C-alpha atoms as a PDB file:
ATOM      1  CA  MET A   1      85.518 110.999 128.621  1.00  0.00           C
ATOM      2  CA  LYS A   2      88.093 113.180 130.363  1.00  0.00           C
ATOM      3  CA  GLN A   3      91.636 112.569 129.131  1.00  0.00           C
ATOM      4  CA  LYS A   4      94.697 112.519 131.387  1.00  0.00           C
ATOM      5  CA  PRO A   5      97.595 113.808 129.291  1.00  0.00           C
ATOM      6  CA  ILE A   6     101.052 114.779 130.437  1.00  0.00           C
ATOM      7  CA  ILE A   7     103.051 117.819 129.371  1.00  0.00           C
ATOM      8  CA  ILE A   8     106.782 117.180 129.012  1.00  0.00           C
ATOM      9  CA  ASP A   9     110.045 119.014 128.541  1.00  0.00           C
ATOM     10  CA  LEU A  10     113.603 117.879 128.940  1.00  0.00           C
ATOM     11  CA  GLU A  11     117.059 119.385 129.011  1.00  0.00           C
ATOM     12  CA  THR A  12     120.205 117.777 127.694  1.00  0.00           C
ATOM     13  CA  LYS A  13     123.826 117.515 128.788  1.00  0.00           C
ATOM     14  CA  TYR A  14     125.139 118.307 125.313  1.00  0.00           C
ATOM     15  CA  THR A  15     124.214 120.461 122.318  1.00  0.00           C
ATOM     16  CA  PHE A  16     123.821 119.696 118.617  1.00  0.00           C
ATOM     17  CA  ARG A  17     127.273 121.255 118.154  1.00  0.00           C
ATOM     18  CA  GLN A  18     128.678 118.250 119.998  1.00  0.00           C
ATOM     19  CA  PHE A  19     126.365 115.545 118.616  1.00  0.00           C
ATOM     20  CA  THR A  20     123.975 115.643 115.657  1.00  0.00           C
ATOM     21  CA  ASP A  21     122.094 112.524 116.772  1.00  0.00           C
ATOM     22  CA  PRO A  22     119.474 113.482 119.422  1.00  0.00           C
ATOM     23  CA  LYS A  23     119.921 110.106 121.133  1.00  0.00           C
ATOM     24  CA  LYS A  24     123.503 111.093 122.034  1.00  0.00           C
ATOM     25  CA  LEU A  25     122.587 114.399 123.699  1.00  0.00           C
ATOM     26  CA  LYS A  26     121.838 112.698 127.056  1.00  0.00           C
ATOM     27  CA  ILE A  27     119.081 113.873 129.390  1.00  0.00           C
ATOM     28  CA  SER A  28     120.130 116.040 132.322  1.00  0.00           C
ATOM     29  CA  VAL A  29     116.551 116.498 133.564  1.00  0.00           C
ATOM     30  CA  LEU A  30     113.027 115.598 132.455  1.00  0.00           C
ATOM     31  CA  ALA A  31     109.981 117.475 133.746  1.00  0.00           C
ATOM     32  CA  ILE A  32     106.381 116.301 133.530  1.00  0.00           C
ATOM     33  CA  TYR A  33     103.091 117.946 134.396  1.00  0.00           C
ATOM     34  CA  ASP A  34     100.600 115.146 135.050  1.00  0.00           C
ATOM     35  CA  TYR A  35      96.925 116.070 134.560  1.00  0.00           C
ATOM     36  CA  ALA A  36      95.904 112.900 136.456  1.00  0.00           C
ATOM     37  CA  THR A  37      97.454 114.241 139.686  1.00  0.00           C
ATOM     38  CA  ASN A  38      97.643 117.948 138.794  1.00  0.00           C
ATOM     39  CA  GLN A  39     101.305 117.958 139.768  1.00  0.00           C
ATOM     40  CA  GLY A  40     104.661 118.682 138.233  1.00  0.00           C
ATOM     41  CA  ILE A  41     107.567 116.332 138.795  1.00  0.00           C
ATOM     42  CA  THR A  42     111.187 116.225 137.674  1.00  0.00           C
ATOM     43  CA  PHE A  43     113.595 113.371 137.039  1.00  0.00           C
ATOM     44  CA  LEU A  44     117.367 113.595 136.771  1.00  0.00           C
ATOM     45  CA  GLU A  45     119.042 111.197 134.332  1.00  0.00           C
ATOM     46  CA  GLU A  46     119.515 108.429 136.898  1.00  0.00           C
ATOM     47  CA  GLU A  47     115.790 108.620 137.751  1.00  0.00           C
ATOM     48  CA  ILE A  48     114.433 108.505 134.170  1.00  0.00           C
ATOM     49  CA  ASN A  49     113.105 104.952 134.504  1.00  0.00           C
ATOM     50  CA  LYS A  50     110.650 106.270 137.125  1.00  0.00           C
ATOM     51  CA  ALA A  51     109.092 108.444 134.397  1.00  0.00           C
ATOM     52  CA  PHE A  52     108.189 105.540 132.098  1.00  0.00           C
ATOM     53  CA  SER A  53     104.831 104.823 133.749  1.00  0.00           C
ATOM     54  CA  TYR A  54     103.763 108.458 133.304  1.00  0.00           C
ATOM     55  CA  PHE A  55     104.276 108.171 129.543  1.00  0.00           C
ATOM     56  CA  GLU A  56     102.588 104.763 129.364  1.00  0.00           C
ATOM     57  CA  ASN A  57      99.516 105.819 131.344  1.00  0.00           C
ATOM     58  CA  ALA A  58      99.009 109.196 129.677  1.00  0.00           C
ATOM     59  CA  SER A  59      96.214 109.659 127.170  1.00  0.00           C
ATOM     60  CA  TYR A  60      98.520 112.057 125.278  1.00  0.00           C
ATOM     61  CA  VAL A  61     102.099 113.231 125.567  1.00  0.00           C
ATOM     62  CA  ILE A  62     102.012 116.978 124.925  1.00  0.00           C
ATOM     63  CA  GLY A  63     104.826 119.472 124.548  1.00  0.00           C
ATOM     64  CA  TYR A  64     106.567 122.030 122.396  1.00  0.00           C
ATOM     65  CA  ASN A  65     108.888 120.612 119.708  1.00  0.00           C
ATOM     66  CA  ILE A  66     108.715 117.191 121.321  1.00  0.00           C
ATOM     67  CA  LYS A  67     108.382 115.042 118.197  1.00  0.00           C
ATOM     68  CA  SER A  68     111.670 116.097 116.653  1.00  0.00           C
ATOM     69  CA  PHE A  69     113.576 116.743 119.876  1.00  0.00           C
ATOM     70  CA  ASP A  70     112.396 115.631 123.334  1.00  0.00           C
ATOM     71  CA  LEU A  71     110.982 112.235 122.335  1.00  0.00           C
ATOM     72  CA  GLN A  72     114.017 111.485 120.158  1.00  0.00           C
ATOM     73  CA  VAL A  73     116.331 112.156 123.120  1.00  0.00           C
ATOM     74  CA  PHE A  74     114.040 110.170 125.454  1.00  0.00           C
ATOM     75  CA  GLN A  75     114.100 107.170 123.069  1.00  0.00           C
ATOM     76  CA  ALA A  76     117.737 106.480 124.053  1.00  0.00           C
ATOM     77  CA  TYR A  77     116.491 105.646 127.575  1.00  0.00           C
ATOM     78  CA  TYR A  78     113.079 104.157 126.936  1.00  0.00           C
ATOM     79  CA  PRO A  79     112.950 100.383 126.262  1.00  0.00           C
ATOM     80  CA  GLY A  80     109.739 100.673 124.220  1.00  0.00           C
ATOM     81  CA  ASN A  81     109.081 102.675 121.083  1.00  0.00           C
ATOM     82  CA  VAL A  82     108.137 106.342 121.608  1.00  0.00           C
ATOM     83  CA  GLU A  83     106.230 106.155 118.317  1.00  0.00           C
ATOM     84  CA  ASN A  84     103.551 104.183 120.220  1.00  0.00           C
ATOM     85  CA  PHE A  85     102.581 107.204 122.322  1.00  0.00           C
ATOM     86  CA  ALA A  86      99.661 109.414 121.321  1.00  0.00           C
ATOM     87  CA  VAL A  87     101.477 112.742 120.870  1.00  0.00           C
ATOM     88  CA  PHE A  88     100.384 116.326 120.403  1.00  0.00           C
ATOM     89  CA  ASP A  89     103.212 118.699 119.506  1.00  0.00           C
ATOM     90  CA  ILE A  90     102.102 122.321 119.914  1.00  0.00           C
ATOM     91  CA  LEU A  91     104.914 123.586 117.686  1.00  0.00           C
ATOM     92  CA  GLU A  92     103.807 121.362 114.792  1.00  0.00           C
ATOM     93  CA  ASP A  93     100.220 122.598 115.106  1.00  0.00           C
ATOM     94  CA  VAL A  94     101.338 126.247 115.201  1.00  0.00           C
ATOM     95  CA  ARG A  95     103.727 125.794 112.264  1.00  0.00           C
ATOM     96  CA  GLU A  96     100.942 124.202 110.207  1.00  0.00           C
ATOM     97  CA  LYS A  97      98.630 127.151 110.889  1.00  0.00           C
ATOM     98  CA  VAL A  98     101.169 130.005 110.593  1.00  0.00           C
ATOM     99  CA  GLY A  99     103.478 128.533 107.966  1.00  0.00           C
ATOM    100  CA  ARG A 100     106.672 128.875 109.994  1.00  0.00           C
ATOM    101  CA  ARG A 101     108.246 127.916 113.292  1.00  0.00           C
ATOM    102  CA  LEU A 102     107.624 130.140 116.285  1.00  0.00           C
ATOM    103  CA  GLY A 103     109.482 129.971 119.572  1.00  0.00           C
ATOM    104  CA  LEU A 104     107.569 129.171 122.724  1.00  0.00           C
ATOM    105  CA  ASN A 105     108.526 132.616 124.028  1.00  0.00           C
ATOM    106  CA  ASP A 106     106.768 134.241 121.046  1.00  0.00           C
ATOM    107  CA  LEU A 107     103.503 132.607 122.105  1.00  0.00           C
ATOM    108  CA  LEU A 108     104.022 133.204 125.827  1.00  0.00           C
ATOM    109  CA  ILE A 109     104.670 136.929 125.447  1.00  0.00           C
ATOM    110  CA  ALA A 110     101.740 137.553 123.096  1.00  0.00           C
ATOM    111  CA  THR A 111      99.224 135.253 124.790  1.00  0.00           C
ATOM    112  CA  LEU A 112     100.035 135.342 128.496  1.00  0.00           C
ATOM    113  CA  ASN A 113     102.394 138.302 128.870  1.00  0.00           C
ATOM    114  CA  LYS A 114     104.954 135.855 130.317  1.00  0.00           C
ATOM    115  CA  ARG A 115     108.309 134.562 129.165  1.00  0.00           C
ATOM    116  CA  LYS A 116     110.622 131.626 129.689  1.00  0.00           C
ATOM    117  CA  THR A 117     113.002 131.918 132.636  1.00  0.00           C
ATOM    118  CA  GLY A 118     116.055 131.026 130.537  1.00  0.00           C
ATOM    119  CA  HIS A 119     117.230 128.966 127.573  1.00  0.00           C
ATOM    120  CA  GLY A 120     118.632 125.496 126.903  1.00  0.00           C
ATOM    121  CA  LEU A 121     122.268 126.582 127.057  1.00  0.00           C
ATOM    122  CA  LEU A 122     121.669 127.922 130.552  1.00  0.00           C
ATOM    123  CA  ALA A 123     120.348 124.493 131.541  1.00  0.00           C
ATOM    124  CA  ILE A 124     123.573 122.905 130.265  1.00  0.00           C
ATOM    125  CA  GLU A 125     125.551 125.310 132.465  1.00  0.00           C
ATOM    126  CA  TYR A 126     123.405 124.358 135.469  1.00  0.00           C
ATOM    127  CA  TYR A 127     124.196 120.713 134.753  1.00  0.00           C
ATOM    128  CA  LYS A 128     127.945 121.306 134.347  1.00  0.00           C
ATOM    129  CA  ASN A 129     128.017 123.310 137.589  1.00  0.00           C
ATOM    130  CA  LYS A 130     126.016 120.606 139.408  1.00  0.00           C
ATOM    131  CA  GLU A 131     123.276 123.147 140.208  1.00  0.00           C
ATOM    132  CA  PHE A 132     120.597 120.477 140.113  1.00  0.00           C
ATOM    133  CA  ASP A 133     117.941 122.443 142.010  1.00  0.00           C
ATOM    134  CA  LYS A 134     118.212 125.280 139.463  1.00  0.00           C
ATOM    135  CA  LEU A 135     118.173 122.735 136.626  1.00  0.00           C
ATOM    136  CA  ARG A 136     115.013 121.052 137.933  1.00  0.00           C
ATOM    137  CA  SER A 137     113.328 124.412 138.539  1.00  0.00           C
ATOM    138  CA  TYR A 138     114.155 125.735 135.055  1.00  0.00           C
ATOM    139  CA  CYS A 139     112.819 122.630 133.291  1.00  0.00           C
ATOM    140  CA  LEU A 140     109.674 122.476 135.428  1.00  0.00           C
ATOM    141  CA  ASP A 141     109.050 126.183 134.738  1.00  0.00           C
ATOM    142  CA  ASP A 142     109.103 125.417 130.992  1.00  0.00           C
ATOM    143  CA  VAL A 143     106.591 122.609 131.481  1.00  0.00           C
ATOM    144  CA  ILE A 144     104.261 124.830 133.513  1.00  0.00           C
ATOM    145  CA  LEU A 145     104.478 127.606 130.887  1.00  0.00           C
ATOM    146  CA  THR A 146     103.744 125.087 128.119  1.00  0.00           C
ATOM    147  CA  LYS A 147     100.765 123.859 130.146  1.00  0.00           C
ATOM    148  CA  GLU A 148      99.519 127.437 130.545  1.00  0.00           C
ATOM    149  CA  ILE A 149      99.670 128.028 126.772  1.00  0.00           C
ATOM    150  CA  PHE A 150      97.926 124.705 126.151  1.00  0.00           C
ATOM    151  CA  ASP A 151      95.219 125.403 128.752  1.00  0.00           C
ATOM    152  CA  TYR A 152      94.662 128.905 127.326  1.00  0.00           C
ATOM    153  CA  GLY A 153      94.206 127.424 123.852  1.00  0.00           C
ATOM    154  CA  VAL A 154      91.809 124.772 125.148  1.00  0.00           C
ATOM    155  CA  LYS A 155      89.693 127.351 127.001  1.00  0.00           C
ATOM    156  CA  ASN A 156      89.751 130.179 124.435  1.00  0.00           C
ATOM    157  CA  LYS A 157      90.200 128.240 121.162  1.00  0.00           C
ATOM    158  CA  LYS A 158      92.950 130.677 120.198  1.00  0.00           C
ATOM    159  CA  ILE A 159      96.440 131.817 121.118  1.00  0.00           C
ATOM    160  CA  TYR A 160      98.517 134.748 119.902  1.00  0.00           C
ATOM    161  CA  TYR A 161     101.954 135.574 118.532  1.00  0.00           C
ATOM    162  CA  LEU A 162     103.671 138.866 117.802  1.00  0.00           C
ATOM    163  CA  THR A 163     104.154 140.270 114.317  1.00  0.00           C
ATOM    164  CA  PRO A 164     105.699 143.595 113.214  1.00  0.00           C
ATOM    165  CA  ASN A 165     102.108 144.900 113.127  1.00  0.00           C
ATOM    166  CA  GLY A 166     101.168 143.694 116.620  1.00  0.00           C
ATOM    167  CA  LYS A 167      99.435 140.555 117.880  1.00  0.00           C
ATOM    168  CA  ALA A 168      98.140 137.955 115.473  1.00  0.00           C
ATOM    169  CA  GLU A 169      95.616 135.286 116.416  1.00  0.00           C
ATOM    170  CA  ILE A 170      95.967 131.553 115.826  1.00  0.00           C
ATOM    171  CA  THR A 171      92.704 129.593 116.023  1.00  0.00           C
ATOM    172  CA  VAL A 172      93.249 126.238 117.742  1.00  0.00           C
ATOM    173  CA  ASP A 173      91.167 123.139 118.399  1.00  0.00           C
ATOM    174  CA  TRP A 174      92.940 121.600 121.376  1.00  0.00           C
ATOM    175  CA  GLU A 175      90.096 120.607 123.717  1.00  0.00           C
ATOM    176  CA  ARG A 176      90.016 117.157 122.093  1.00  0.00           C
ATOM    177  CA  TYR A 177      93.302 116.396 123.884  1.00  0.00           C
ATOM    178  CA  LEU A 178      91.490 116.798 127.200  1.00  0.00           C
ATOM    179  CA  GLU A 179      88.083 115.446 126.124  1.00  0.00           C
ATOM    180  CA  GLY A 180      87.143 112.407 124.081  1.00  0.00           C
ATOM    181  CA  ASP A 181      88.961 109.256 123.076  1.00  0.00           C
ATOM    182  CA  ASN A 182      92.465 109.245 121.622  1.00  0.00           C
ATOM    183  CA  GLY A 183      91.796 105.981 119.811  1.00  0.00           C
ATOM    184  CA  LYS A 184      94.716 104.188 121.448  1.00  0.00           C
ATOM    185  CA  LYS A 185      94.494 101.292 123.839  1.00  0.00           C
ATOM    186  CA  SER A 186      96.407 101.474 127.104  1.00  0.00           C
ATOM    187  CA  VAL A 187      99.293  99.061 126.863  1.00  0.00           C
ATOM    188  CA  SER A 188     102.037  98.491 129.379  1.00  0.00           C
ATOM    189  CA  LEU A 189     105.197  98.966 127.371  1.00  0.00           C
ATOM    190  CA  THR A 190     107.889  98.201 129.970  1.00  0.00           C
ATOM    191  CA  LEU A 191     108.674  95.277 132.194  1.00  0.00           C
ATOM    192  CA  PRO A 192     107.742  95.489 135.887  1.00  0.00           C
ATOM    193  CA  PHE A 193     111.319  95.061 137.098  1.00  0.00           C
END
């Protein structure tokens, strides 16, 4: 059975220098790529409640470093428990296979010859300067790049990262997040009003 996951990324208003608790960092923008509609969409903080149904209807919530960051920040807004979502964190899978953390850019450069369009501190500047179109675009770009890495891994069963000796291969088994059953029942987790 074909799965309908979402890929997520979010940017915050504050950094860990200001708050150590992720729930206090506040979302400036959330971006989602929805495999059910094959579209990307963004939500500013005041629109976050419109994103709830995407999370609740997704077969998997996929992203890069989402378990320890994005979902923890999102929990401050979400009335349900983010632990109920079926989650695949690409960073966790890579760290398990390589033995250390790698940045998304490391994978993008080696695998796709692409790179992120900026960094999280730039997103905070966009927010402070009320450059919301740039903020939305930056976050959505990260989601699309994460999707491209994920799709490459699904199709080729491998991705790459750079080492001092050149490219190194990481064997991955990600097609199960697009095919098969995630073992979770669909449950509406928010109220309809």
